[in-house]
């Protein structure tokens, strides 16, 4: 069983970067979509997926790609997390930890309206 993901999407907002003693954390949302057909009509279904990326300090050059509107291929693994909130209720979530990101080049002849 392999714990991994690979998605293509657009960075929805520029990454929030936090620097710690030995490493830095970038948190960023990726907008992904797919087409869904219902009878003769087709609609686009979109979602925002939160990702986190860790790098050692001094090795965080890849964070410069994490700007709003960048079209990226992101791969990594799923990390389950659990905690108890201030009311004593057990909470859990799955975080997508990005280990690799690559910019997807713009296609020739297409211009992004801005």
PDB file of N, CA and C in Angstrom:
ATOM      1  N   UNK A   1       0.854  -1.167   0.000  1.00  0.00           N
ATOM      2  CA  UNK A   1       0.000   0.000   0.000  1.00  0.00           C
ATOM      3  C   UNK A   1       0.900   1.230   0.000  1.00  0.00           C
ATOM      4  N   UNK A   2       0.657   2.130  -0.944  1.00  0.00           N
ATOM      5  CA  UNK A   2       1.483   3.325  -1.079  1.00  0.00           C
ATOM      6  C   UNK A   2       0.715   4.551  -0.609  1.00  0.00           C
ATOM      7  N   UNK A   3       1.328   5.355   0.228  1.00  0.00           N
ATOM      8  CA  UNK A   3       0.734   6.586   0.733  1.00  0.00           C
ATOM      9  C   UNK A   3       1.299   7.741  -0.081  1.00  0.00           C
ATOM     10  N   UNK A   4       0.614   8.099  -1.169  1.00  0.00           N
ATOM     11  CA  UNK A   4       1.121   9.187  -2.004  1.00  0.00           C
ATOM     12  C   UNK A   4      -0.019   9.834  -2.780  1.00  0.00           C
ATOM     13  N   UNK A   5       0.257  11.049  -3.271  1.00  0.00           N
ATOM     14  CA  UNK A   5      -0.697  11.746  -4.130  1.00  0.00           C
ATOM     15  C   UNK A   5       0.080  12.535  -5.173  1.00  0.00           C
ATOM     16  N   UNK A   6      -0.610  12.859  -6.266  1.00  0.00           N
ATOM     17  CA  UNK A   6      -0.079  13.740  -7.297  1.00  0.00           C
ATOM     18  C   UNK A   6      -1.263  14.496  -7.882  1.00  0.00           C
ATOM     19  N   UNK A   7      -1.206  15.826  -7.813  1.00  0.00           N
ATOM     20  CA  UNK A   7      -2.288  16.653  -8.323  1.00  0.00           C
ATOM     21  C   UNK A   7      -1.722  17.795  -9.161  1.00  0.00           C
ATOM     22  N   UNK A   8      -2.541  18.268 -10.078  1.00  0.00           N
ATOM     23  CA  UNK A   8      -2.241  19.463 -10.857  1.00  0.00           C
ATOM     24  C   UNK A   8      -3.296  20.487 -10.515  1.00  0.00           C
ATOM     25  N   UNK A   9      -2.876  21.725 -10.305  1.00  0.00           N
ATOM     26  CA  UNK A   9      -3.837  22.774  -9.999  1.00  0.00           C
ATOM     27  C   UNK A   9      -3.165  24.122  -9.914  1.00  0.00           C
ATOM     28  N   UNK A  10      -3.966  25.107  -9.546  1.00  0.00           N
ATOM     29  CA  UNK A  10      -3.478  26.477  -9.429  1.00  0.00           C
ATOM     30  C   UNK A  10      -3.387  26.862  -7.964  1.00  0.00           C
ATOM     31  N   UNK A  11      -2.318  27.553  -7.589  1.00  0.00           N
ATOM     32  CA  UNK A  11      -2.182  28.053  -6.226  1.00  0.00           C
ATOM     33  C   UNK A  11      -3.261  29.121  -6.030  1.00  0.00           C
ATOM     34  N   UNK A  12      -4.133  28.915  -5.051  1.00  0.00           N
ATOM     35  CA  UNK A  12      -5.286  29.797  -4.848  1.00  0.00           C
ATOM     36  C   UNK A  12      -4.912  31.090  -4.124  1.00  0.00           C
ATOM     37  N   UNK A  13      -3.915  31.040  -3.267  1.00  0.00           N
ATOM     38  CA  UNK A  13      -3.395  32.245  -2.611  1.00  0.00           C
ATOM     39  C   UNK A  13      -1.936  31.987  -2.250  1.00  0.00           C
ATOM     40  N   UNK A  14      -1.154  33.053  -2.279  1.00  0.00           N
ATOM     41  CA  UNK A  14       0.272  32.936  -2.009  1.00  0.00           C
ATOM     42  C   UNK A  14       0.502  32.263  -0.659  1.00  0.00           C
ATOM     43  N   UNK A  15       1.495  31.380  -0.603  1.00  0.00           N
ATOM     44  CA  UNK A  15       1.768  30.576   0.587  1.00  0.00           C
ATOM     45  C   UNK A  15       2.073  31.435   1.810  1.00  0.00           C
ATOM     46  N   UNK A  16       1.599  30.952   2.937  1.00  0.00           N
ATOM     47  CA  UNK A  16       1.959  31.513   4.240  1.00  0.00           C
ATOM     48  C   UNK A  16       3.202  30.748   4.685  1.00  0.00           C
ATOM     49  N   UNK A  17       4.309  31.442   4.878  1.00  0.00           N
ATOM     50  CA  UNK A  17       5.568  30.781   5.246  1.00  0.00           C
ATOM     51  C   UNK A  17       5.917  31.135   6.684  1.00  0.00           C
ATOM     52  N   UNK A  18       6.210  30.099   7.456  1.00  0.00           N
ATOM     53  CA  UNK A  18       6.648  30.272   8.840  1.00  0.00           C
ATOM     54  C   UNK A  18       8.044  29.676   8.964  1.00  0.00           C
ATOM     55  N   UNK A  19       8.935  30.429   9.598  1.00  0.00           N
ATOM     56  CA  UNK A  19      10.315  29.983   9.757  1.00  0.00           C
ATOM     57  C   UNK A  19      10.551  29.598  11.209  1.00  0.00           C
ATOM     58  N   UNK A  20      11.124  28.416  11.400  1.00  0.00           N
ATOM     59  CA  UNK A  20      11.454  27.915  12.725  1.00  0.00           C
ATOM     60  C   UNK A  20      12.977  27.834  12.841  1.00  0.00           C
ATOM     61  N   UNK A  21      13.489  27.285  13.900  1.00  0.00           N
ATOM     62  CA  UNK A  21      14.927  27.238  14.144  1.00  0.00           C
ATOM     63  C   UNK A  21      15.691  26.557  13.016  1.00  0.00           C
ATOM     64  N   UNK A  22      15.257  25.379  12.592  1.00  0.00           N
ATOM     65  CA  UNK A  22      15.992  24.611  11.590  1.00  0.00           C
ATOM     66  C   UNK A  22      15.267  24.435  10.264  1.00  0.00           C
ATOM     67  N   UNK A  23      13.983  24.766  10.215  1.00  0.00           N
ATOM     68  CA  UNK A  23      13.219  24.518   8.998  1.00  0.00           C
ATOM     69  C   UNK A  23      12.146  25.586   8.813  1.00  0.00           C
ATOM     70  N   UNK A  24      11.538  25.555   7.620  1.00  0.00           N
ATOM     71  CA  UNK A  24      10.444  26.478   7.295  1.00  0.00           C
ATOM     72  C   UNK A  24       9.262  25.677   6.774  1.00  0.00           C
ATOM     73  N   UNK A  25       8.068  26.206   7.019  1.00  0.00           N
ATOM     74  CA  UNK A  25       6.827  25.574   6.613  1.00  0.00           C
ATOM     75  C   UNK A  25       6.060  26.530   5.716  1.00  0.00           C
ATOM     76  N   UNK A  26       5.642  26.047   4.567  1.00  0.00           N
ATOM     77  CA  UNK A  26       4.774  26.812   3.674  1.00  0.00           C
ATOM     78  C   UNK A  26       3.419  26.116   3.647  1.00  0.00           C
ATOM     79  N   UNK A  27       2.357  26.868   3.906  1.00  0.00           N
ATOM     80  CA  UNK A  27       0.987  26.361   3.806  1.00  0.00           C
ATOM     81  C   UNK A  27       0.335  27.071   2.633  1.00  0.00           C
ATOM     82  N   UNK A  28      -0.281  26.283   1.736  1.00  0.00           N
ATOM     83  CA  UNK A  28      -0.873  26.883   0.544  1.00  0.00           C
ATOM     84  C   UNK A  28      -2.045  26.041   0.048  1.00  0.00           C
ATOM     85  N   UNK A  29      -3.067  26.702  -0.501  1.00  0.00           N
ATOM     86  CA  UNK A  29      -4.199  25.982  -1.082  1.00  0.00           C
ATOM     87  C   UNK A  29      -4.016  25.804  -2.596  1.00  0.00           C
ATOM     88  N   UNK A  30      -4.354  24.627  -3.086  1.00  0.00           N
ATOM     89  CA  UNK A  30      -4.331  24.331  -4.521  1.00  0.00           C
ATOM     90  C   UNK A  30      -5.782  24.178  -4.985  1.00  0.00           C
ATOM     91  N   UNK A  31      -6.121  24.871  -6.059  1.00  0.00           N
ATOM     92  CA  UNK A  31      -7.457  24.754  -6.648  1.00  0.00           C
ATOM     93  C   UNK A  31      -7.399  23.678  -7.730  1.00  0.00           C
ATOM     94  N   UNK A  32      -8.247  22.684  -7.601  1.00  0.00           N
ATOM     95  CA  UNK A  32      -8.334  21.603  -8.585  1.00  0.00           C
ATOM     96  C   UNK A  32      -9.766  21.521  -9.092  1.00  0.00           C
ATOM     97  N   UNK A  33      -9.928  20.949 -10.278  1.00  0.00           N
ATOM     98  CA  UNK A  33     -11.282  20.824 -10.815  1.00  0.00           C
ATOM     99  C   UNK A  33     -11.389  19.595 -11.703  1.00  0.00           C
ATOM    100  N   UNK A  34     -12.629  19.239 -11.975  1.00  0.00           N
ATOM    101  CA  UNK A  34     -12.911  18.139 -12.889  1.00  0.00           C
ATOM    102  C   UNK A  34     -14.240  18.435 -13.557  1.00  0.00           C
ATOM    103  N   UNK A  35     -14.456  17.802 -14.702  1.00  0.00           N
ATOM    104  CA  UNK A  35     -15.725  17.977 -15.400  1.00  0.00           C
ATOM    105  C   UNK A  35     -16.676  16.860 -15.000  1.00  0.00           C
ATOM    106  N   UNK A  36     -17.939  17.219 -14.821  1.00  0.00           N
ATOM    107  CA  UNK A  36     -18.969  16.248 -14.473  1.00  0.00           C
ATOM    108  C   UNK A  36     -20.104  16.377 -15.477  1.00  0.00           C
ATOM    109  N   UNK A  37     -20.467  15.247 -16.071  1.00  0.00           N
ATOM    110  CA  UNK A  37     -21.551  15.235 -17.057  1.00  0.00           C
ATOM    111  C   UNK A  37     -22.831  14.738 -16.423  1.00  0.00           C
ATOM    112  N   UNK A  38     -23.905  15.483 -16.694  1.00  0.00           N
ATOM    113  CA  UNK A  38     -25.241  15.078 -16.279  1.00  0.00           C
ATOM    114  C   UNK A  38     -26.118  15.210 -17.511  1.00  0.00           C
ATOM    115  N   UNK A  39     -26.459  14.082 -18.099  1.00  0.00           N
ATOM    116  CA  UNK A  39     -27.231  14.117 -19.336  1.00  0.00           C
ATOM    117  C   UNK A  39     -26.426  14.784 -20.432  1.00  0.00           C
ATOM    118  N   UNK A  40     -26.978  15.838 -21.029  1.00  0.00           N
ATOM    119  CA  UNK A  40     -26.294  16.565 -22.095  1.00  0.00           C
ATOM    120  C   UNK A  40     -25.463  17.734 -21.584  1.00  0.00           C
ATOM    121  N   UNK A  41     -25.571  18.064 -20.315  1.00  0.00           N
ATOM    122  CA  UNK A  41     -24.831  19.223 -19.807  1.00  0.00           C
ATOM    123  C   UNK A  41     -23.561  18.796 -19.076  1.00  0.00           C
ATOM    124  N   UNK A  42     -22.556  19.644 -19.179  1.00  0.00           N
ATOM    125  CA  UNK A  42     -21.276  19.414 -18.514  1.00  0.00           C
ATOM    126  C   UNK A  42     -20.998  20.597 -17.607  1.00  0.00           C
ATOM    127  N   UNK A  43     -20.606  20.310 -16.381  1.00  0.00           N
ATOM    128  CA  UNK A  43     -20.242  21.385 -15.458  1.00  0.00           C
ATOM    129  C   UNK A  43     -18.866  21.086 -14.859  1.00  0.00           C
ATOM    130  N   UNK A  44     -18.204  22.132 -14.422  1.00  0.00           N
ATOM    131  CA  UNK A  44     -16.887  21.997 -13.810  1.00  0.00           C
ATOM    132  C   UNK A  44     -17.056  22.066 -12.297  1.00  0.00           C
ATOM    133  N   UNK A  45     -16.556  21.049 -11.601  1.00  0.00           N
ATOM    134  CA  UNK A  45     -16.614  20.975 -10.149  1.00  0.00           C
ATOM    135  C   UNK A  45     -15.214  21.303  -9.626  1.00  0.00           C
ATOM    136  N   UNK A  46     -15.129  22.303  -8.770  1.00  0.00           N
ATOM    137  CA  UNK A  46     -13.834  22.744  -8.244  1.00  0.00           C
ATOM    138  C   UNK A  46     -13.750  22.539  -6.746  1.00  0.00           C
ATOM    139  N   UNK A  47     -12.516  22.438  -6.253  1.00  0.00           N
ATOM    140  CA  UNK A  47     -12.284  22.295  -4.815  1.00  0.00           C
ATOM    141  C   UNK A  47     -10.930  22.900  -4.470  1.00  0.00           C
ATOM    142  N   UNK A  48     -10.805  23.369  -3.245  1.00  0.00           N
ATOM    143  CA  UNK A  48      -9.526  23.844  -2.733  1.00  0.00           C
ATOM    144  C   UNK A  48      -8.956  22.769  -1.816  1.00  0.00           C
ATOM    145  N   UNK A  49      -7.701  22.447  -2.020  1.00  0.00           N
ATOM    146  CA  UNK A  49      -7.033  21.441  -1.206  1.00  0.00           C
ATOM    147  C   UNK A  49      -5.872  22.111  -0.487  1.00  0.00           C
ATOM    148  N   UNK A  50      -5.874  22.026   0.845  1.00  0.00           N
ATOM    149  CA  UNK A  50      -4.791  22.610   1.630  1.00  0.00           C
ATOM    150  C   UNK A  50      -3.567  21.708   1.627  1.00  0.00           C
ATOM    151  N   UNK A  51      -2.412  22.294   1.366  1.00  0.00           N
ATOM    152  CA  UNK A  51      -1.149  21.552   1.348  1.00  0.00           C
ATOM    153  C   UNK A  51      -0.149  22.219   2.281  1.00  0.00           C
ATOM    154  N   UNK A  52       0.788  21.425   2.766  1.00  0.00           N
ATOM    155  CA  UNK A  52       1.895  21.931   3.565  1.00  0.00           C
ATOM    156  C   UNK A  52       3.187  21.407   2.970  1.00  0.00           C
ATOM    157  N   UNK A  53       4.231  22.232   3.024  1.00  0.00           N
ATOM    158  CA  UNK A  53       5.535  21.835   2.500  1.00  0.00           C
ATOM    159  C   UNK A  53       6.604  22.291   3.481  1.00  0.00           C
ATOM    160  N   UNK A  54       7.443  21.361   3.908  1.00  0.00           N
ATOM    161  CA  UNK A  54       8.539  21.647   4.832  1.00  0.00           C
ATOM    162  C   UNK A  54       9.861  21.641   4.085  1.00  0.00           C
ATOM    163  N   UNK A  55      10.742  22.545   4.438  1.00  0.00           N
ATOM    164  CA  UNK A  55      12.102  22.579   3.900  1.00  0.00           C
ATOM    165  C   UNK A  55      13.049  23.021   5.012  1.00  0.00           C
ATOM    166  N   UNK A  56      14.285  22.512   4.963  1.00  0.00           N
ATOM    167  CA  UNK A  56      15.308  22.994   5.882  1.00  0.00           C
ATOM    168  C   UNK A  56      15.600  24.451   5.535  1.00  0.00           C
ATOM    169  N   UNK A  57      15.913  25.237   6.549  1.00  0.00           N
ATOM    170  CA  UNK A  57      16.256  26.634   6.293  1.00  0.00           C
ATOM    171  C   UNK A  57      17.441  26.683   5.340  1.00  0.00           C
ATOM    172  N   UNK A  58      17.386  27.587   4.400  1.00  0.00           N
ATOM    173  CA  UNK A  58      18.436  27.687   3.392  1.00  0.00           C
ATOM    174  C   UNK A  58      18.173  26.815   2.180  1.00  0.00           C
ATOM    175  N   UNK A  59      17.158  25.933   2.246  1.00  0.00           N
ATOM    176  CA  UNK A  59      16.817  25.048   1.129  1.00  0.00           C
ATOM    177  C   UNK A  59      15.370  25.264   0.688  1.00  0.00           C
ATOM    178  N   UNK A  60      14.863  26.470   0.925  1.00  0.00           N
ATOM    179  CA  UNK A  60      13.448  26.736   0.648  1.00  0.00           C
ATOM    180  C   UNK A  60      13.235  27.540  -0.634  1.00  0.00           C
ATOM    181  N   UNK A  61      14.144  27.424  -1.598  1.00  0.00           N
ATOM    182  CA  UNK A  61      13.986  28.133  -2.875  1.00  0.00           C
ATOM    183  C   UNK A  61      12.692  27.763  -3.585  1.00  0.00           C
ATOM    184  N   UNK A  62      12.244  26.525  -3.425  1.00  0.00           N
ATOM    185  CA  UNK A  62      11.019  26.092  -4.103  1.00  0.00           C
ATOM    186  C   UNK A  62       9.789  26.862  -3.618  1.00  0.00           C
ATOM    187  N   UNK A  63       9.848  27.480  -2.453  1.00  0.00           N
ATOM    188  CA  UNK A  63       8.714  28.260  -1.945  1.00  0.00           C
ATOM    189  C   UNK A  63       8.378  29.423  -2.876  1.00  0.00           C
ATOM    190  N   UNK A  64       9.348  29.896  -3.662  1.00  0.00           N
ATOM    191  CA  UNK A  64       9.090  31.037  -4.553  1.00  0.00           C
ATOM    192  C   UNK A  64       8.063  30.693  -5.633  1.00  0.00           C
ATOM    193  N   UNK A  65       7.809  29.395  -5.882  1.00  0.00           N
ATOM    194  CA  UNK A  65       6.791  28.974  -6.845  1.00  0.00           C
ATOM    195  C   UNK A  65       5.379  29.050  -6.270  1.00  0.00           C
ATOM    196  N   UNK A  66       5.270  29.185  -4.959  1.00  0.00           N
ATOM    197  CA  UNK A  66       3.974  29.106  -4.279  1.00  0.00           C
ATOM    198  C   UNK A  66       3.294  30.469  -4.206  1.00  0.00           C
ATOM    199  N   UNK A  67       3.025  31.038  -5.387  1.00  0.00           N
ATOM    200  CA  UNK A  67       2.363  32.341  -5.479  1.00  0.00           C
ATOM    201  C   UNK A  67       1.012  32.169  -6.159  1.00  0.00           C
ATOM    202  N   UNK A  68       0.080  33.035  -5.789  1.00  0.00           N
ATOM    203  CA  UNK A  68      -1.277  32.960  -6.327  1.00  0.00           C
ATOM    204  C   UNK A  68      -1.255  32.903  -7.854  1.00  0.00           C
ATOM    205  N   UNK A  69      -1.988  31.935  -8.404  1.00  0.00           N
ATOM    206  CA  UNK A  69      -2.127  31.786  -9.848  1.00  0.00           C
ATOM    207  C   UNK A  69      -1.127  30.855 -10.493  1.00  0.00           C
ATOM    208  N   UNK A  70      -0.085  30.440  -9.775  1.00  0.00           N
ATOM    209  CA  UNK A  70       0.909  29.535 -10.353  1.00  0.00           C
ATOM    210  C   UNK A  70       0.260  28.176 -10.634  1.00  0.00           C
ATOM    211  N   UNK A  71       0.518  27.633 -11.825  1.00  0.00           N
ATOM    212  CA  UNK A  71      -0.008  26.319 -12.213  1.00  0.00           C
ATOM    213  C   UNK A  71       1.065  25.293 -11.867  1.00  0.00           C
ATOM    214  N   UNK A  72       0.770  24.400 -10.929  1.00  0.00           N
ATOM    215  CA  UNK A  72       1.775  23.478 -10.401  1.00  0.00           C
ATOM    216  C   UNK A  72       1.334  22.022 -10.455  1.00  0.00           C
ATOM    217  N   UNK A  73       2.322  21.171 -10.507  1.00  0.00           N
ATOM    218  CA  UNK A  73       2.132  19.743 -10.250  1.00  0.00           C
ATOM    219  C   UNK A  73       2.719  19.526  -8.858  1.00  0.00           C
ATOM    220  N   UNK A  74       1.920  18.958  -7.970  1.00  0.00           N
ATOM    221  CA  UNK A  74       2.321  18.765  -6.586  1.00  0.00           C
ATOM    222  C   UNK A  74       2.232  17.277  -6.262  1.00  0.00           C
ATOM    223  N   UNK A  75       3.284  16.741  -5.666  1.00  0.00           N
ATOM    224  CA  UNK A  75       3.231  15.346  -5.228  1.00  0.00           C
ATOM    225  C   UNK A  75       3.756  15.256  -3.799  1.00  0.00           C
ATOM    226  N   UNK A  76       3.309  14.224  -3.113  1.00  0.00           N
ATOM    227  CA  UNK A  76       3.718  14.056  -1.730  1.00  0.00           C
ATOM    228  C   UNK A  76       2.994  12.898  -1.081  1.00  0.00           C
ATOM    229  N   UNK A  77       2.706  13.041   0.219  1.00  0.00           N
ATOM    230  CA  UNK A  77       2.066  11.966   0.969  1.00  0.00           C
ATOM    231  C   UNK A  77       1.016  12.540   1.923  1.00  0.00           C
ATOM    232  N   UNK A  78       0.135  11.668   2.387  1.00  0.00           N
ATOM    233  CA  UNK A  78      -0.925  12.022   3.330  1.00  0.00           C
ATOM    234  C   UNK A  78      -0.429  11.806   4.758  1.00  0.00           C
ATOM    235  N   UNK A  79      -0.664  12.794   5.635  1.00  0.00           N
ATOM    236  CA  UNK A  79      -0.241  12.669   7.022  1.00  0.00           C
ATOM    237  C   UNK A  79      -1.450  12.848   7.941  1.00  0.00           C
ATOM    238  N   UNK A  80      -1.902  11.768   8.575  1.00  0.00           N
ATOM    239  CA  UNK A  80      -3.017  11.906   9.518  1.00  0.00           C
ATOM    240  C   UNK A  80      -2.546  12.624  10.792  1.00  0.00           C
ATOM    241  N   UNK A  81      -3.389  13.486  11.320  1.00  0.00           N
ATOM    242  CA  UNK A  81      -3.087  14.191  12.566  1.00  0.00           C
ATOM    243  C   UNK A  81      -4.303  14.102  13.475  1.00  0.00           C
ATOM    244  N   UNK A  82      -4.063  14.035  14.769  1.00  0.00           N
ATOM    245  CA  UNK A  82      -5.174  14.038  15.722  1.00  0.00           C
ATOM    246  C   UNK A  82      -4.760  14.845  16.946  1.00  0.00           C
ATOM    247  N   UNK A  83      -5.755  15.450  17.596  1.00  0.00           N
ATOM    248  CA  UNK A  83      -5.522  16.268  18.774  1.00  0.00           C
ATOM    249  C   UNK A  83      -6.820  16.379  19.553  1.00  0.00           C
ATOM    250  N   UNK A  84      -6.710  16.870  20.758  1.00  0.00           N
ATOM    251  CA  UNK A  84      -7.876  17.126  21.594  1.00  0.00           C
ATOM    252  C   UNK A  84      -8.043  18.634  21.692  1.00  0.00           C
ATOM    253  N   UNK A  85      -9.222  19.135  21.333  1.00  0.00           N
ATOM    254  CA  UNK A  85      -9.444  20.585  21.344  1.00  0.00           C
ATOM    255  C   UNK A  85      -9.661  21.087  22.773  1.00  0.00           C
ATOM    256  N   UNK A  86      -9.839  22.404  22.918  1.00  0.00           N
ATOM    257  CA  UNK A  86      -9.959  23.017  24.241  1.00  0.00           C
ATOM    258  C   UNK A  86     -11.204  22.553  25.011  1.00  0.00           C
ATOM    259  N   UNK A  87     -12.174  21.957  24.296  1.00  0.00           N
ATOM    260  CA  UNK A  87     -13.377  21.422  24.941  1.00  0.00           C
ATOM    261  C   UNK A  87     -13.251  19.941  25.269  1.00  0.00           C
ATOM    262  N   UNK A  88     -12.061  19.379  25.030  1.00  0.00           N
ATOM    263  CA  UNK A  88     -11.831  17.971  25.320  1.00  0.00           C
ATOM    264  C   UNK A  88     -12.329  17.017  24.249  1.00  0.00           C
ATOM    265  N   UNK A  89     -12.695  17.548  23.084  1.00  0.00           N
ATOM    266  CA  UNK A  89     -13.210  16.719  22.000  1.00  0.00           C
ATOM    267  C   UNK A  89     -12.056  16.306  21.085  1.00  0.00           C
ATOM    268  N   UNK A  90     -11.997  15.023  20.801  1.00  0.00           N
ATOM    269  CA  UNK A  90     -10.952  14.502  19.918  1.00  0.00           C
ATOM    270  C   UNK A  90     -11.234  14.947  18.480  1.00  0.00           C
ATOM    271  N   UNK A  91     -10.232  15.536  17.836  1.00  0.00           N
ATOM    272  CA  UNK A  91     -10.337  16.001  16.461  1.00  0.00           C
ATOM    273  C   UNK A  91      -9.313  15.268  15.602  1.00  0.00           C
ATOM    274  N   UNK A  92      -9.573  15.210  14.299  1.00  0.00           N
ATOM    275  CA  UNK A  92      -8.594  14.608  13.400  1.00  0.00           C
ATOM    276  C   UNK A  92      -8.727  15.226  12.021  1.00  0.00           C
ATOM    277  N   UNK A  93      -7.664  15.133  11.249  1.00  0.00           N
ATOM    278  CA  UNK A  93      -7.650  15.608   9.870  1.00  0.00           C
ATOM    279  C   UNK A  93      -6.516  14.908   9.140  1.00  0.00           C
ATOM    280  N   UNK A  94      -6.559  14.998   7.836  1.00  0.00           N
ATOM    281  CA  UNK A  94      -5.475  14.479   7.008  1.00  0.00           C
ATOM    282  C   UNK A  94      -4.853  15.669   6.290  1.00  0.00           C
ATOM    283  N   UNK A  95      -3.544  15.807   6.416  1.00  0.00           N
ATOM    284  CA  UNK A  95      -2.815  16.898   5.789  1.00  0.00           C
ATOM    285  C   UNK A  95      -2.069  16.350   4.584  1.00  0.00           C
ATOM    286  N   UNK A  96      -2.123  17.088   3.479  1.00  0.00           N
ATOM    287  CA  UNK A  96      -1.343  16.717   2.296  1.00  0.00           C
ATOM    288  C   UNK A  96       0.015  17.383   2.427  1.00  0.00           C
ATOM    289  N   UNK A  97       1.047  16.567   2.587  1.00  0.00           N
ATOM    290  CA  UNK A  97       2.418  17.065   2.718  1.00  0.00           C
ATOM    291  C   UNK A  97       3.070  17.001   1.343  1.00  0.00           C
ATOM    292  N   UNK A  98       3.367  18.164   0.789  1.00  0.00           N
ATOM    293  CA  UNK A  98       4.003  18.242  -0.529  1.00  0.00           C
ATOM    294  C   UNK A  98       5.501  18.009  -0.373  1.00  0.00           C
ATOM    295  N   UNK A  99       6.017  17.067  -1.141  1.00  0.00           N
ATOM    296  CA  UNK A  99       7.460  16.814  -1.125  1.00  0.00           C
ATOM    297  C   UNK A  99       8.131  17.333  -2.391  1.00  0.00           C
ATOM    298  N   UNK A 100       7.358  17.415  -3.472  1.00  0.00           N
ATOM    299  CA  UNK A 100       7.877  17.899  -4.754  1.00  0.00           C
ATOM    300  C   UNK A 100       6.843  18.812  -5.386  1.00  0.00           C
ATOM    301  N   UNK A 101       7.313  19.919  -5.968  1.00  0.00           N
ATOM    302  CA  UNK A 101       6.444  20.778  -6.758  1.00  0.00           C
ATOM    303  C   UNK A 101       7.180  21.145  -8.037  1.00  0.00           C
ATOM    304  N   UNK A 102       6.418  21.291  -9.104  1.00  0.00           N
ATOM    305  CA  UNK A 102       6.995  21.695 -10.391  1.00  0.00           C
ATOM    306  C   UNK A 102       6.005  22.602 -11.093  1.00  0.00           C
ATOM    307  N   UNK A 103       6.530  23.651 -11.694  1.00  0.00           N
ATOM    308  CA  UNK A 103       5.686  24.571 -12.439  1.00  0.00           C
ATOM    309  C   UNK A 103       5.277  23.923 -13.751  1.00  0.00           C
ATOM    310  N   UNK A 104       4.006  24.066 -14.112  1.00  0.00           N
ATOM    311  CA  UNK A 104       3.510  23.562 -15.394  1.00  0.00           C
ATOM    312  C   UNK A 104       3.585  24.727 -16.366  1.00  0.00           C
ATOM    313  N   UNK A 105       4.351  24.562 -17.446  1.00  0.00           N
ATOM    314  CA  UNK A 105       4.515  25.666 -18.401  1.00  0.00           C
ATOM    315  C   UNK A 105       3.190  26.040 -19.067  1.00  0.00           C
ATOM    316  N   UNK A 106       3.052  27.346 -19.371  1.00  0.00           N
ATOM    317  CA  UNK A 106       1.874  27.813 -20.091  1.00  0.00           C
ATOM    318  C   UNK A 106       1.941  27.280 -21.507  1.00  0.00           C
ATOM    319  N   UNK A 107       0.774  26.926 -22.047  1.00  0.00           N
ATOM    320  CA  UNK A 107       0.705  26.426 -23.418  1.00  0.00           C
ATOM    321  C   UNK A 107       0.873  27.587 -24.383  1.00  0.00           C
ATOM    322  N   UNK A 108       1.548  27.315 -25.496  1.00  0.00           N
ATOM    323  CA  UNK A 108       1.718  28.318 -26.541  1.00  0.00           C
ATOM    324  C   UNK A 108       0.367  28.747 -27.068  1.00  0.00           C
ATOM    325  N   UNK A 109       0.214  30.035 -27.311  1.00  0.00           N
ATOM    326  CA  UNK A 109      -1.016  30.535 -27.937  1.00  0.00           C
ATOM    327  C   UNK A 109      -2.159  30.771 -26.982  1.00  0.00           C
ATOM    328  N   UNK A 110      -1.938  30.536 -25.659  1.00  0.00           N
ATOM    329  CA  UNK A 110      -3.001  30.819 -24.701  1.00  0.00           C
ATOM    330  C   UNK A 110      -2.555  31.958 -23.813  1.00  0.00           C
ATOM    331  N   UNK A 111      -3.449  32.843 -23.540  1.00  0.00           N
ATOM    332  CA  UNK A 111      -3.150  33.962 -22.649  1.00  0.00           C
ATOM    333  C   UNK A 111      -4.130  33.939 -21.510  1.00  0.00           C
ATOM    334  N   UNK A 112      -3.636  34.191 -20.330  1.00  0.00           N
ATOM    335  CA  UNK A 112      -4.485  34.208 -19.143  1.00  0.00           C
ATOM    336  C   UNK A 112      -5.006  35.629 -18.952  1.00  0.00           C
ATOM    337  N   UNK A 113      -6.307  35.759 -18.868  1.00  0.00           N
ATOM    338  CA  UNK A 113      -6.898  37.091 -18.641  1.00  0.00           C
ATOM    339  C   UNK A 113      -6.584  37.511 -17.220  1.00  0.00           C
ATOM    340  N   UNK A 114      -6.229  38.730 -17.052  1.00  0.00           N
ATOM    341  CA  UNK A 114      -5.829  39.081 -15.722  1.00  0.00           C
ATOM    342  C   UNK A 114      -6.411  40.278 -15.200  1.00  0.00           C
TER     343      UNK A 114
END
